[in-house]
């Protein structure tokens, strides 16, 4: 952890002590008969304990980053895996006029039933991106004037800050695939 060593999980080999003590004081045999060995024995116990609070702290500490950007700017980034991010995407109209907010809210309604989606139209687009980076939102979806003509949005990736144009018809499947827990599992298998 950034503040020093912290035990996340305790694993203790209790041998057969606990069960032997139970047997001794209860007067009942607590043994297992192994038919292959043709003998009985008191099993060993491995005791594990893990706390959700410590796990959560580990994930947060691992995901929190402060990055220096080109031009001297910096950003705070909560780089949670998309499946763990509390907010999956944020829909943002480039400006608060010209029909962009209406189109943005339409896109938000399309996504919000399958993933936690927020809407933001306050401040400049750069400030909105930084706000979403800090809370760990993996994807920002910007509705601009071209969206009204080509039905495409700008999709920004939190971790790489790359932007790509994607058709609104493909957006739902793209986001749902990116936040699917199976994708995180497959990534872990391949790493």
C-alpha atoms as a PDB file:
ATOM      1  CA  UNK A   1       0.000   0.000   0.000  1.00  0.00           C
ATOM      2  CA  UNK A   2       1.218   3.571  -0.509  1.00  0.00           C
ATOM      3  CA  UNK A   3       1.281   4.051   3.283  1.00  0.00           C
ATOM      4  CA  UNK A   4       3.170   0.837   4.054  1.00  0.00           C
ATOM      5  CA  UNK A   5       2.551  -2.866   4.518  1.00  0.00           C
ATOM      6  CA  UNK A   6      -1.022  -3.957   5.167  1.00  0.00           C
ATOM      7  CA  UNK A   7      -2.208  -7.544   5.419  1.00  0.00           C
ATOM      8  CA  UNK A   8      -5.040  -8.170   2.959  1.00  0.00           C
ATOM      9  CA  UNK A   9      -5.666 -11.839   3.675  1.00  0.00           C
ATOM     10  CA  UNK A  10      -4.647 -14.079   6.535  1.00  0.00           C
ATOM     11  CA  UNK A  11      -4.013 -17.768   5.875  1.00  0.00           C
ATOM     12  CA  UNK A  12      -3.383 -19.928   8.944  1.00  0.00           C
ATOM     13  CA  UNK A  13      -2.599 -23.610   9.099  1.00  0.00           C
ATOM     14  CA  UNK A  14      -4.367 -24.743  12.249  1.00  0.00           C
ATOM     15  CA  UNK A  15      -3.282 -28.407  11.765  1.00  0.00           C
ATOM     16  CA  UNK A  16      -5.660 -30.712  13.646  1.00  0.00           C
ATOM     17  CA  UNK A  17      -5.519 -28.658  16.864  1.00  0.00           C
ATOM     18  CA  UNK A  18      -9.006 -27.067  16.687  1.00  0.00           C
ATOM     19  CA  UNK A  19     -10.862 -30.265  15.811  1.00  0.00           C
ATOM     20  CA  UNK A  20      -8.856 -32.279  18.364  1.00  0.00           C
ATOM     21  CA  UNK A  21      -9.818 -29.785  21.069  1.00  0.00           C
ATOM     22  CA  UNK A  22     -13.486 -29.964  20.044  1.00  0.00           C
ATOM     23  CA  UNK A  23     -13.341 -33.748  20.201  1.00  0.00           C
ATOM     24  CA  UNK A  24     -11.564 -33.691  23.566  1.00  0.00           C
ATOM     25  CA  UNK A  25     -14.023 -31.327  25.285  1.00  0.00           C
ATOM     26  CA  UNK A  26     -17.239 -32.524  23.621  1.00  0.00           C
ATOM     27  CA  UNK A  27     -16.475 -36.209  24.041  1.00  0.00           C
ATOM     28  CA  UNK A  28     -17.401 -36.803  20.364  1.00  0.00           C
ATOM     29  CA  UNK A  29     -15.055 -38.214  17.753  1.00  0.00           C
ATOM     30  CA  UNK A  30     -14.392 -35.802  14.901  1.00  0.00           C
ATOM     31  CA  UNK A  31     -12.497 -38.018  12.525  1.00  0.00           C
ATOM     32  CA  UNK A  32     -12.506 -38.861   8.865  1.00  0.00           C
ATOM     33  CA  UNK A  33     -12.203 -42.467   7.674  1.00  0.00           C
ATOM     34  CA  UNK A  34     -10.100 -42.799   4.532  1.00  0.00           C
ATOM     35  CA  UNK A  35     -11.154 -46.016   2.753  1.00  0.00           C
ATOM     36  CA  UNK A  36      -8.021 -46.076   0.581  1.00  0.00           C
ATOM     37  CA  UNK A  37      -5.697 -45.938   3.584  1.00  0.00           C
ATOM     38  CA  UNK A  38      -8.126 -47.886   5.764  1.00  0.00           C
ATOM     39  CA  UNK A  39      -7.569 -45.524   8.689  1.00  0.00           C
ATOM     40  CA  UNK A  40      -9.243 -42.682  10.562  1.00  0.00           C
ATOM     41  CA  UNK A  41      -7.695 -39.339  11.343  1.00  0.00           C
ATOM     42  CA  UNK A  42      -8.603 -35.860  12.548  1.00  0.00           C
ATOM     43  CA  UNK A  43      -8.424 -33.527   9.519  1.00  0.00           C
ATOM     44  CA  UNK A  44      -6.196 -30.476   9.363  1.00  0.00           C
ATOM     45  CA  UNK A  45      -7.875 -27.092   8.996  1.00  0.00           C
ATOM     46  CA  UNK A  46      -6.634 -24.173   6.892  1.00  0.00           C
ATOM     47  CA  UNK A  47      -8.268 -20.971   8.133  1.00  0.00           C
ATOM     48  CA  UNK A  48      -8.458 -18.017   5.777  1.00  0.00           C
ATOM     49  CA  UNK A  49      -9.837 -14.583   6.405  1.00  0.00           C
ATOM     50  CA  UNK A  50     -10.174 -11.688   4.030  1.00  0.00           C
ATOM     51  CA  UNK A  51     -11.957  -8.429   4.573  1.00  0.00           C
ATOM     52  CA  UNK A  52     -13.920  -6.580   1.930  1.00  0.00           C
ATOM     53  CA  UNK A  53     -12.625  -3.287   3.284  1.00  0.00           C
ATOM     54  CA  UNK A  54      -9.004  -4.301   2.755  1.00  0.00           C
ATOM     55  CA  UNK A  55      -9.738  -5.656  -0.711  1.00  0.00           C
ATOM     56  CA  UNK A  56     -11.510  -2.426  -1.622  1.00  0.00           C
ATOM     57  CA  UNK A  57      -8.592  -0.374  -0.313  1.00  0.00           C
ATOM     58  CA  UNK A  58      -6.155  -2.458  -2.377  1.00  0.00           C
ATOM     59  CA  UNK A  59      -8.155  -1.944  -5.566  1.00  0.00           C
ATOM     60  CA  UNK A  60      -8.459   1.807  -4.955  1.00  0.00           C
ATOM     61  CA  UNK A  61      -4.754   2.222  -4.177  1.00  0.00           C
ATOM     62  CA  UNK A  62      -3.820   0.269  -7.280  1.00  0.00           C
ATOM     63  CA  UNK A  63      -6.162   2.283  -9.514  1.00  0.00           C
ATOM     64  CA  UNK A  64      -5.352   5.798  -8.258  1.00  0.00           C
ATOM     65  CA  UNK A  65      -2.858   7.667 -10.437  1.00  0.00           C
ATOM     66  CA  UNK A  66      -1.628  11.210 -10.880  1.00  0.00           C
ATOM     67  CA  UNK A  67      -0.264  11.756 -14.386  1.00  0.00           C
ATOM     68  CA  UNK A  68       1.777  14.559 -15.889  1.00  0.00           C
ATOM     69  CA  UNK A  69       0.531  15.424 -19.357  1.00  0.00           C
ATOM     70  CA  UNK A  70       2.165  17.190 -22.265  1.00  0.00           C
ATOM     71  CA  UNK A  71       2.178  20.943 -21.865  1.00  0.00           C
ATOM     72  CA  UNK A  72       2.628  20.788 -18.085  1.00  0.00           C
ATOM     73  CA  UNK A  73      -0.951  19.821 -17.247  1.00  0.00           C
ATOM     74  CA  UNK A  74      -1.718  16.987 -14.876  1.00  0.00           C
ATOM     75  CA  UNK A  75      -4.694  14.785 -14.210  1.00  0.00           C
ATOM     76  CA  UNK A  76      -5.990  12.556 -11.440  1.00  0.00           C
ATOM     77  CA  UNK A  77      -7.068   9.198 -12.761  1.00  0.00           C
ATOM     78  CA  UNK A  78      -8.946   6.342 -11.122  1.00  0.00           C
ATOM     79  CA  UNK A  79      -8.049   3.562 -13.529  1.00  0.00           C
ATOM     80  CA  UNK A  80     -10.500   0.924 -12.339  1.00  0.00           C
ATOM     81  CA  UNK A  81     -11.201  -1.977 -14.671  1.00  0.00           C
ATOM     82  CA  UNK A  82     -14.396  -1.016 -16.549  1.00  0.00           C
ATOM     83  CA  UNK A  83     -16.322  -3.855 -14.893  1.00  0.00           C
ATOM     84  CA  UNK A  84     -15.544  -2.404 -11.434  1.00  0.00           C
ATOM     85  CA  UNK A  85     -16.090   1.262 -12.280  1.00  0.00           C
ATOM     86  CA  UNK A  86     -19.233   2.565 -10.547  1.00  0.00           C
ATOM     87  CA  UNK A  87     -20.079   4.776 -13.547  1.00  0.00           C
ATOM     88  CA  UNK A  88     -19.476   3.073 -16.895  1.00  0.00           C
ATOM     89  CA  UNK A  89     -19.940   6.012 -19.261  1.00  0.00           C
ATOM     90  CA  UNK A  90     -20.813   9.681 -19.360  1.00  0.00           C
ATOM     91  CA  UNK A  91     -22.714  11.273 -22.232  1.00  0.00           C
ATOM     92  CA  UNK A  92     -21.769  14.889 -22.963  1.00  0.00           C
ATOM     93  CA  UNK A  93     -23.102  17.322 -25.526  1.00  0.00           C
ATOM     94  CA  UNK A  94     -20.276  19.493 -26.835  1.00  0.00           C
ATOM     95  CA  UNK A  95     -22.416  22.597 -26.256  1.00  0.00           C
ATOM     96  CA  UNK A  96     -25.755  23.242 -24.539  1.00  0.00           C
ATOM     97  CA  UNK A  97     -27.610  24.256 -27.713  1.00  0.00           C
ATOM     98  CA  UNK A  98     -28.328  23.371 -31.348  1.00  0.00           C
ATOM     99  CA  UNK A  99     -30.139  20.138 -30.464  1.00  0.00           C
ATOM    100  CA  UNK A 100     -27.009  18.509 -28.981  1.00  0.00           C
ATOM    101  CA  UNK A 101     -28.436  18.094 -25.441  1.00  0.00           C
ATOM    102  CA  UNK A 102     -31.545  16.420 -26.851  1.00  0.00           C
ATOM    103  CA  UNK A 103     -29.453  13.992 -28.904  1.00  0.00           C
ATOM    104  CA  UNK A 104     -27.181  13.339 -25.907  1.00  0.00           C
ATOM    105  CA  UNK A 105     -30.141  12.506 -23.680  1.00  0.00           C
ATOM    106  CA  UNK A 106     -31.439  10.127 -26.353  1.00  0.00           C
ATOM    107  CA  UNK A 107     -28.067   8.311 -26.369  1.00  0.00           C
ATOM    108  CA  UNK A 108     -28.064   8.235 -22.561  1.00  0.00           C
ATOM    109  CA  UNK A 109     -31.522   6.635 -22.463  1.00  0.00           C
ATOM    110  CA  UNK A 110     -30.301   3.986 -24.914  1.00  0.00           C
ATOM    111  CA  UNK A 111     -27.410   3.008 -22.603  1.00  0.00           C
ATOM    112  CA  UNK A 112     -28.727   3.543 -19.079  1.00  0.00           C
ATOM    113  CA  UNK A 113     -30.778   0.348 -18.822  1.00  0.00           C
ATOM    114  CA  UNK A 114     -27.694  -1.834 -19.283  1.00  0.00           C
ATOM    115  CA  UNK A 115     -24.966   0.232 -17.653  1.00  0.00           C
ATOM    116  CA  UNK A 116     -24.659   3.079 -15.180  1.00  0.00           C
ATOM    117  CA  UNK A 117     -24.621   6.152 -17.399  1.00  0.00           C
ATOM    118  CA  UNK A 118     -24.406   9.803 -16.389  1.00  0.00           C
ATOM    119  CA  UNK A 119     -24.967  13.042 -18.250  1.00  0.00           C
ATOM    120  CA  UNK A 120     -22.792  16.160 -17.984  1.00  0.00           C
ATOM    121  CA  UNK A 121     -23.071  19.479 -19.792  1.00  0.00           C
ATOM    122  CA  UNK A 122     -21.424  21.785 -17.219  1.00  0.00           C
ATOM    123  CA  UNK A 123     -18.064  23.483 -17.980  1.00  0.00           C
ATOM    124  CA  UNK A 124     -15.752  22.934 -20.937  1.00  0.00           C
ATOM    125  CA  UNK A 125     -15.395  19.459 -22.456  1.00  0.00           C
ATOM    126  CA  UNK A 126     -11.833  19.220 -21.068  1.00  0.00           C
ATOM    127  CA  UNK A 127     -12.982  19.892 -17.495  1.00  0.00           C
ATOM    128  CA  UNK A 128     -15.745  17.332 -17.909  1.00  0.00           C
ATOM    129  CA  UNK A 129     -13.216  14.734 -19.113  1.00  0.00           C
ATOM    130  CA  UNK A 130     -11.005  15.412 -16.074  1.00  0.00           C
ATOM    131  CA  UNK A 131     -13.977  15.075 -13.725  1.00  0.00           C
ATOM    132  CA  UNK A 132     -14.864  11.693 -15.194  1.00  0.00           C
ATOM    133  CA  UNK A 133     -11.187  10.568 -15.127  1.00  0.00           C
ATOM    134  CA  UNK A 134     -11.052  11.334 -11.400  1.00  0.00           C
ATOM    135  CA  UNK A 135     -14.123   9.224 -10.560  1.00  0.00           C
ATOM    136  CA  UNK A 136     -13.012   6.343 -12.809  1.00  0.00           C
ATOM    137  CA  UNK A 137     -15.557   6.539 -15.657  1.00  0.00           C
ATOM    138  CA  UNK A 138     -13.987   4.403 -18.431  1.00  0.00           C
ATOM    139  CA  UNK A 139     -15.803   6.011 -21.389  1.00  0.00           C
ATOM    140  CA  UNK A 140     -16.935   9.509 -22.279  1.00  0.00           C
ATOM    141  CA  UNK A 141     -19.310   9.895 -25.200  1.00  0.00           C
ATOM    142  CA  UNK A 142     -19.327  13.319 -26.829  1.00  0.00           C
ATOM    143  CA  UNK A 143     -22.211  14.459 -28.988  1.00  0.00           C
ATOM    144  CA  UNK A 144     -21.091  17.152 -31.449  1.00  0.00           C
ATOM    145  CA  UNK A 145     -22.557  18.926 -34.465  1.00  0.00           C
ATOM    146  CA  UNK A 146     -21.365  16.126 -36.798  1.00  0.00           C
ATOM    147  CA  UNK A 147     -23.391  13.623 -34.749  1.00  0.00           C
ATOM    148  CA  UNK A 148     -26.601  15.157 -36.060  1.00  0.00           C
ATOM    149  CA  UNK A 149     -25.431  14.473 -39.634  1.00  0.00           C
ATOM    150  CA  UNK A 150     -23.499  11.180 -39.487  1.00  0.00           C
ATOM    151  CA  UNK A 151     -25.075   9.485 -36.396  1.00  0.00           C
ATOM    152  CA  UNK A 152     -21.597   9.001 -34.912  1.00  0.00           C
ATOM    153  CA  UNK A 153     -20.254  10.062 -31.520  1.00  0.00           C
ATOM    154  CA  UNK A 154     -16.750  10.591 -30.201  1.00  0.00           C
ATOM    155  CA  UNK A 155     -15.853   7.862 -27.728  1.00  0.00           C
ATOM    156  CA  UNK A 156     -12.980   8.759 -25.369  1.00  0.00           C
ATOM    157  CA  UNK A 157     -11.068   6.095 -23.461  1.00  0.00           C
ATOM    158  CA  UNK A 158     -10.205   7.160 -19.907  1.00  0.00           C
ATOM    159  CA  UNK A 159      -6.873   5.339 -19.674  1.00  0.00           C
ATOM    160  CA  UNK A 160      -5.361   6.229 -23.038  1.00  0.00           C
ATOM    161  CA  UNK A 161      -7.292   9.468 -23.690  1.00  0.00           C
ATOM    162  CA  UNK A 162      -7.676   8.251 -27.279  1.00  0.00           C
ATOM    163  CA  UNK A 163     -10.789   9.271 -29.124  1.00  0.00           C
ATOM    164  CA  UNK A 164     -12.554   7.481 -31.932  1.00  0.00           C
ATOM    165  CA  UNK A 165     -15.711   8.017 -33.881  1.00  0.00           C
ATOM    166  CA  UNK A 166     -18.262   5.265 -33.456  1.00  0.00           C
ATOM    167  CA  UNK A 167     -21.736   4.895 -34.883  1.00  0.00           C
ATOM    168  CA  UNK A 168     -24.505   5.260 -32.310  1.00  0.00           C
ATOM    169  CA  UNK A 169     -25.963   1.948 -33.536  1.00  0.00           C
ATOM    170  CA  UNK A 170     -22.711   0.182 -32.475  1.00  0.00           C
ATOM    171  CA  UNK A 171     -22.230   2.070 -29.212  1.00  0.00           C
ATOM    172  CA  UNK A 172     -24.428  -0.082 -26.947  1.00  0.00           C
ATOM    173  CA  UNK A 173     -22.708  -3.337 -27.948  1.00  0.00           C
ATOM    174  CA  UNK A 174     -19.246  -1.772 -27.633  1.00  0.00           C
ATOM    175  CA  UNK A 175     -19.862  -0.471 -24.090  1.00  0.00           C
ATOM    176  CA  UNK A 176     -21.612  -3.647 -22.907  1.00  0.00           C
ATOM    177  CA  UNK A 177     -18.765  -5.815 -24.210  1.00  0.00           C
ATOM    178  CA  UNK A 178     -16.158  -3.586 -22.516  1.00  0.00           C
ATOM    179  CA  UNK A 179     -17.878  -3.780 -19.104  1.00  0.00           C
ATOM    180  CA  UNK A 180     -18.661  -7.510 -19.296  1.00  0.00           C
ATOM    181  CA  UNK A 181     -17.000  -9.353 -16.360  1.00  0.00           C
ATOM    182  CA  UNK A 182     -15.971 -12.136 -18.754  1.00  0.00           C
ATOM    183  CA  UNK A 183     -13.668  -9.678 -20.536  1.00  0.00           C
ATOM    184  CA  UNK A 184     -11.774  -8.953 -17.304  1.00  0.00           C
ATOM    185  CA  UNK A 185     -11.503 -12.675 -16.609  1.00  0.00           C
ATOM    186  CA  UNK A 186     -10.155 -13.370 -20.112  1.00  0.00           C
ATOM    187  CA  UNK A 187      -7.672 -10.500 -19.806  1.00  0.00           C
ATOM    188  CA  UNK A 188      -6.389 -11.948 -16.507  1.00  0.00           C
ATOM    189  CA  UNK A 189      -5.958 -15.352 -18.140  1.00  0.00           C
ATOM    190  CA  UNK A 190      -3.906 -13.867 -20.960  1.00  0.00           C
ATOM    191  CA  UNK A 191      -1.649 -11.690 -18.724  1.00  0.00           C
END
